[in-house]
Every structure is written in C-alpha cells, then in structure tokens.
Amino acid sequence: MRTSLHNIQQIEDYLLKYAGEADQRLFEARLLLQPALHEQLLWQQKTYAIIRQYSRRQLKAEIESVHQHLFNEIEHITFRRKIMALFRQ
C-alpha cells in the first residue's frame, strides 16, 4: 500500500477508534514526530465534520418532506388528527 493510503487508513482507524490501544499510542507518537501527518489528521477531521453536517442537513430535509406529506396531504387527514390528539392530552 502506498504511504499516503497507509497514512489515511491509520488516521481513519485512529479517528474511528478501530485501532487497538497500543496502535493508538504509537500513532499519537507518530503525530508528535511528523507534523505533516498531524496536518493530514486535522484535514481528515474537518472532512468528517463536513460529511456529518451535510448528512444532518439531508436527514432534516427528508424529515421535513415526510412531515409536509403526512400533515398537508388530504389522504392523510385521519393520521394527522390522531397525532394531534396525542399531543392534546
């Protein structure tokens, strides 16, 4: 495996906690000794954060779409009434 792919795999294992305790400590030592690896780690963390944020937005949009469909379509009026009744109690 090429060094860059190997580093990406190790970073991923570290961030996702797939590596064992000894491997985690060894990787942390490499981070201290190799500033470029540490920078790769930071970029990988940012990438994961962006992906999570995008996924949350997508999920919220899907939920909103389902909500609009269930609560605004005529064929689901009885469902809407049942749900509203639950929250009135």
N, C-alpha and C. Protein backbone atom coordinates (compact mmCIF):
# COMPACT_ATOMS: atom_id res chain seq x y z
N MET A 1 0.85 -1.17 0.00
CA MET A 1 0.00 0.00 0.00
C MET A 1 0.90 1.24 0.00
N ARG A 2 0.54 2.21 -0.79
CA ARG A 2 1.32 3.45 -0.83
C ARG A 2 1.27 4.14 0.53
N THR A 3 2.31 4.91 0.80
CA THR A 3 2.43 5.58 2.10
C THR A 3 1.23 6.48 2.38
N SER A 4 0.78 7.26 1.40
CA SER A 4 -0.35 8.17 1.64
C SER A 4 -1.62 7.40 1.96
N LEU A 5 -1.86 6.30 1.24
CA LEU A 5 -3.04 5.49 1.54
C LEU A 5 -2.91 4.83 2.91
N HIS A 6 -1.70 4.41 3.23
CA HIS A 6 -1.45 3.81 4.54
C HIS A 6 -1.72 4.83 5.65
N ASN A 7 -1.25 6.06 5.45
CA ASN A 7 -1.49 7.12 6.44
C ASN A 7 -2.97 7.40 6.58
N ILE A 8 -3.68 7.47 5.47
CA ILE A 8 -5.14 7.72 5.52
C ILE A 8 -5.83 6.62 6.30
N GLN A 9 -5.44 5.37 6.04
CA GLN A 9 -6.05 4.25 6.75
C GLN A 9 -5.75 4.33 8.24
N GLN A 10 -4.53 4.67 8.61
CA GLN A 10 -4.18 4.78 10.03
C GLN A 10 -4.91 5.94 10.68
N ILE A 11 -5.04 7.05 9.98
CA ILE A 11 -5.78 8.20 10.52
C ILE A 11 -7.23 7.81 10.75
N GLU A 12 -7.81 7.13 9.77
CA GLU A 12 -9.20 6.70 9.90
C GLU A 12 -9.37 5.74 11.07
N ASP A 13 -8.47 4.78 11.18
CA ASP A 13 -8.54 3.84 12.31
C ASP A 13 -8.41 4.57 13.64
N TYR A 14 -7.57 5.58 13.68
CA TYR A 14 -7.37 6.36 14.90
C TYR A 14 -8.63 7.17 15.23
N LEU A 15 -9.16 7.88 14.24
CA LEU A 15 -10.32 8.74 14.49
C LEU A 15 -11.57 7.93 14.83
N LEU A 16 -11.73 6.80 14.18
CA LEU A 16 -12.92 5.99 14.40
C LEU A 16 -12.73 4.95 15.52
N LYS A 17 -11.54 5.01 16.14
CA LYS A 17 -11.21 4.14 17.27
C LYS A 17 -11.25 2.66 16.90
N TYR A 18 -10.82 2.34 15.68
CA TYR A 18 -10.73 0.95 15.24
C TYR A 18 -9.42 0.33 15.70
N ALA A 19 -8.39 1.14 15.89
CA ALA A 19 -7.08 0.63 16.29
C ALA A 19 -7.09 0.24 17.76
N GLY A 20 -6.26 -0.70 18.10
CA GLY A 20 -6.11 -1.11 19.50
C GLY A 20 -5.40 -0.02 20.30
N GLU A 21 -5.38 -0.21 21.60
CA GLU A 21 -4.77 0.78 22.49
C GLU A 21 -3.30 1.03 22.15
N ALA A 22 -2.55 -0.03 21.91
CA ALA A 22 -1.12 0.11 21.59
C ALA A 22 -0.93 0.85 20.27
N ASP A 23 -1.76 0.51 19.28
CA ASP A 23 -1.67 1.18 17.98
C ASP A 23 -2.06 2.66 18.10
N GLN A 24 -3.03 2.94 18.94
CA GLN A 24 -3.44 4.33 19.16
C GLN A 24 -2.26 5.13 19.72
N ARG A 25 -1.58 4.60 20.71
CA ARG A 25 -0.45 5.30 21.34
C ARG A 25 0.70 5.46 20.35
N LEU A 26 0.97 4.44 19.56
CA LEU A 26 2.02 4.51 18.56
C LEU A 26 1.71 5.59 17.53
N PHE A 27 0.45 5.65 17.13
CA PHE A 27 0.05 6.66 16.15
C PHE A 27 0.17 8.06 16.75
N GLU A 28 -0.19 8.22 18.01
CA GLU A 28 -0.06 9.52 18.67
C GLU A 28 1.40 9.95 18.73
N ALA A 29 2.30 9.01 18.93
CA ALA A 29 3.73 9.33 18.92
C ALA A 29 4.16 9.78 17.52
N ARG A 30 3.66 9.09 16.49
CA ARG A 30 3.96 9.50 15.11
C ARG A 30 3.45 10.90 14.83
N LEU A 31 2.29 11.23 15.39
CA LEU A 31 1.73 12.57 15.20
C LEU A 31 2.66 13.64 15.77
N LEU A 32 3.26 13.34 16.90
CA LEU A 32 4.18 14.29 17.51
C LEU A 32 5.46 14.46 16.70
N LEU A 33 5.89 13.38 16.08
CA LEU A 33 7.16 13.39 15.35
C LEU A 33 7.02 13.84 13.90
N GLN A 34 5.81 13.73 13.35
CA GLN A 34 5.60 14.03 11.93
C GLN A 34 4.52 15.11 11.77
N PRO A 35 4.92 16.36 11.68
CA PRO A 35 3.94 17.44 11.54
C PRO A 35 3.02 17.29 10.31
N ALA A 36 3.54 16.72 9.24
CA ALA A 36 2.72 16.52 8.04
C ALA A 36 1.58 15.53 8.31
N LEU A 37 1.88 14.51 9.07
CA LEU A 37 0.85 13.52 9.44
C LEU A 37 -0.20 14.18 10.32
N HIS A 38 0.24 15.03 11.23
CA HIS A 38 -0.70 15.75 12.10
C HIS A 38 -1.62 16.65 11.27
N GLU A 39 -1.04 17.29 10.25
CA GLU A 39 -1.85 18.13 9.37
C GLU A 39 -2.88 17.30 8.61
N GLN A 40 -2.46 16.11 8.15
CA GLN A 40 -3.40 15.21 7.47
C GLN A 40 -4.54 14.83 8.41
N LEU A 41 -4.20 14.57 9.66
CA LEU A 41 -5.21 14.23 10.66
C LEU A 41 -6.24 15.36 10.80
N LEU A 42 -5.75 16.59 10.87
CA LEU A 42 -6.65 17.73 11.02
C LEU A 42 -7.58 17.86 9.81
N TRP A 43 -7.02 17.66 8.60
CA TRP A 43 -7.86 17.73 7.41
C TRP A 43 -8.89 16.60 7.37
N GLN A 44 -8.49 15.41 7.82
CA GLN A 44 -9.43 14.29 7.86
C GLN A 44 -10.55 14.58 8.85
N GLN A 45 -10.23 15.18 10.00
CA GLN A 45 -11.25 15.55 10.98
C GLN A 45 -12.22 16.56 10.39
N LYS A 46 -11.69 17.55 9.68
CA LYS A 46 -12.55 18.55 9.05
C LYS A 46 -13.45 17.91 8.00
N THR A 47 -12.88 16.98 7.24
CA THR A 47 -13.67 16.28 6.23
C THR A 47 -14.82 15.52 6.86
N TYR A 48 -14.55 14.80 7.94
CA TYR A 48 -15.60 14.07 8.64
C TYR A 48 -16.68 15.02 9.18
N ALA A 49 -16.25 16.16 9.70
CA ALA A 49 -17.21 17.14 10.23
C ALA A 49 -18.12 17.66 9.12
N ILE A 50 -17.55 17.93 7.96
CA ILE A 50 -18.35 18.41 6.82
C ILE A 50 -19.33 17.34 6.37
N ILE A 51 -18.88 16.10 6.32
CA ILE A 51 -19.76 15.00 5.90
C ILE A 51 -20.90 14.83 6.89
N ARG A 52 -20.60 14.90 8.20
CA ARG A 52 -21.66 14.79 9.22
C ARG A 52 -22.66 15.92 9.08
N GLN A 53 -22.15 17.14 8.88
CA GLN A 53 -23.03 18.30 8.74
C GLN A 53 -23.93 18.14 7.51
N TYR A 54 -23.37 17.71 6.40
CA TYR A 54 -24.14 17.50 5.18
C TYR A 54 -25.20 16.43 5.40
N SER A 55 -24.81 15.34 6.07
CA SER A 55 -25.75 14.25 6.33
C SER A 55 -26.90 14.71 7.21
N ARG A 56 -26.60 15.53 8.20
CA ARG A 56 -27.66 16.05 9.07
C ARG A 56 -28.63 16.91 8.28
N ARG A 57 -28.10 17.75 7.42
CA ARG A 57 -28.97 18.59 6.60
C ARG A 57 -29.85 17.75 5.69
N GLN A 58 -29.26 16.72 5.11
CA GLN A 58 -30.04 15.83 4.24
C GLN A 58 -31.14 15.14 5.03
N LEU A 59 -30.81 14.65 6.21
CA LEU A 59 -31.80 13.97 7.04
C LEU A 59 -32.92 14.92 7.45
N LYS A 60 -32.55 16.14 7.85
CA LYS A 60 -33.57 17.13 8.21
C LYS A 60 -34.49 17.43 7.03
N ALA A 61 -33.93 17.52 5.83
CA ALA A 61 -34.74 17.78 4.64
C ALA A 61 -35.68 16.62 4.37
N GLU A 62 -35.21 15.39 4.54
CA GLU A 62 -36.06 14.22 4.35
C GLU A 62 -37.19 14.20 5.38
N ILE A 63 -36.86 14.49 6.62
CA ILE A 63 -37.87 14.50 7.67
C ILE A 63 -38.91 15.58 7.39
N GLU A 64 -38.45 16.74 6.98
CA GLU A 64 -39.38 17.83 6.66
C GLU A 64 -40.29 17.44 5.49
N SER A 65 -39.74 16.77 4.50
CA SER A 65 -40.53 16.32 3.36
C SER A 65 -41.62 15.34 3.80
N VAL A 66 -41.26 14.40 4.64
CA VAL A 66 -42.24 13.44 5.16
C VAL A 66 -43.29 14.16 5.99
N HIS A 67 -42.85 15.08 6.81
CA HIS A 67 -43.78 15.86 7.63
C HIS A 67 -44.78 16.61 6.76
N GLN A 68 -44.28 17.29 5.75
CA GLN A 68 -45.16 18.03 4.85
C GLN A 68 -46.15 17.10 4.16
N HIS A 69 -45.65 15.96 3.74
CA HIS A 69 -46.52 15.00 3.04
C HIS A 69 -47.61 14.47 3.98
N LEU A 70 -47.23 14.08 5.20
CA LEU A 70 -48.19 13.47 6.11
C LEU A 70 -49.17 14.48 6.71
N PHE A 71 -48.75 15.70 6.90
CA PHE A 71 -49.60 16.65 7.58
C PHE A 71 -50.32 17.62 6.64
N ASN A 72 -49.99 17.61 5.37
CA ASN A 72 -50.64 18.55 4.46
C ASN A 72 -51.42 17.90 3.32
N GLU A 73 -51.24 16.61 3.13
CA GLU A 73 -51.97 15.92 2.06
C GLU A 73 -53.33 15.46 2.59
N ILE A 74 -54.32 15.62 1.76
CA ILE A 74 -55.71 15.30 2.15
C ILE A 74 -55.87 13.82 2.54
N GLU A 75 -55.19 12.92 1.82
CA GLU A 75 -55.38 11.49 2.09
C GLU A 75 -54.85 11.06 3.46
N HIS A 76 -54.11 11.94 4.14
CA HIS A 76 -53.56 11.59 5.45
C HIS A 76 -54.22 12.39 6.59
N ILE A 77 -55.40 12.89 6.36
CA ILE A 77 -56.07 13.74 7.36
C ILE A 77 -56.37 12.97 8.65
N THR A 78 -56.76 11.70 8.54
CA THR A 78 -57.06 10.94 9.77
C THR A 78 -55.79 10.69 10.57
N PHE A 79 -54.70 10.44 9.87
CA PHE A 79 -53.42 10.28 10.57
C PHE A 79 -53.07 11.56 11.31
N ARG A 80 -53.22 12.69 10.65
CA ARG A 80 -52.92 13.99 11.26
C ARG A 80 -53.77 14.20 12.51
N ARG A 81 -55.04 13.89 12.42
CA ARG A 81 -55.93 14.07 13.57
C ARG A 81 -55.52 13.18 14.74
N LYS A 82 -55.13 11.94 14.45
CA LYS A 82 -54.71 11.03 15.52
C LYS A 82 -53.45 11.56 16.21
N ILE A 83 -52.51 12.04 15.43
CA ILE A 83 -51.27 12.57 16.01
C ILE A 83 -51.56 13.81 16.83
N MET A 84 -52.36 14.71 16.31
CA MET A 84 -52.69 15.94 17.04
C MET A 84 -53.42 15.61 18.33
N ALA A 85 -54.27 14.58 18.33
CA ALA A 85 -54.98 14.18 19.52
C ALA A 85 -54.02 13.68 20.59
N LEU A 86 -52.97 13.01 20.18
CA LEU A 86 -51.97 12.52 21.14
C LEU A 86 -51.32 13.67 21.90
N PHE A 87 -51.10 14.78 21.22
CA PHE A 87 -50.40 15.90 21.84
C PHE A 87 -51.34 16.83 22.61
N ARG A 88 -52.62 16.67 22.44
CA ARG A 88 -53.58 17.48 23.21
C ARG A 88 -53.75 16.96 24.61
N GLN A 89 -53.44 15.70 24.81
CA GLN A 89 -53.67 15.07 26.11
C GLN A 89 -52.70 15.51 27.15
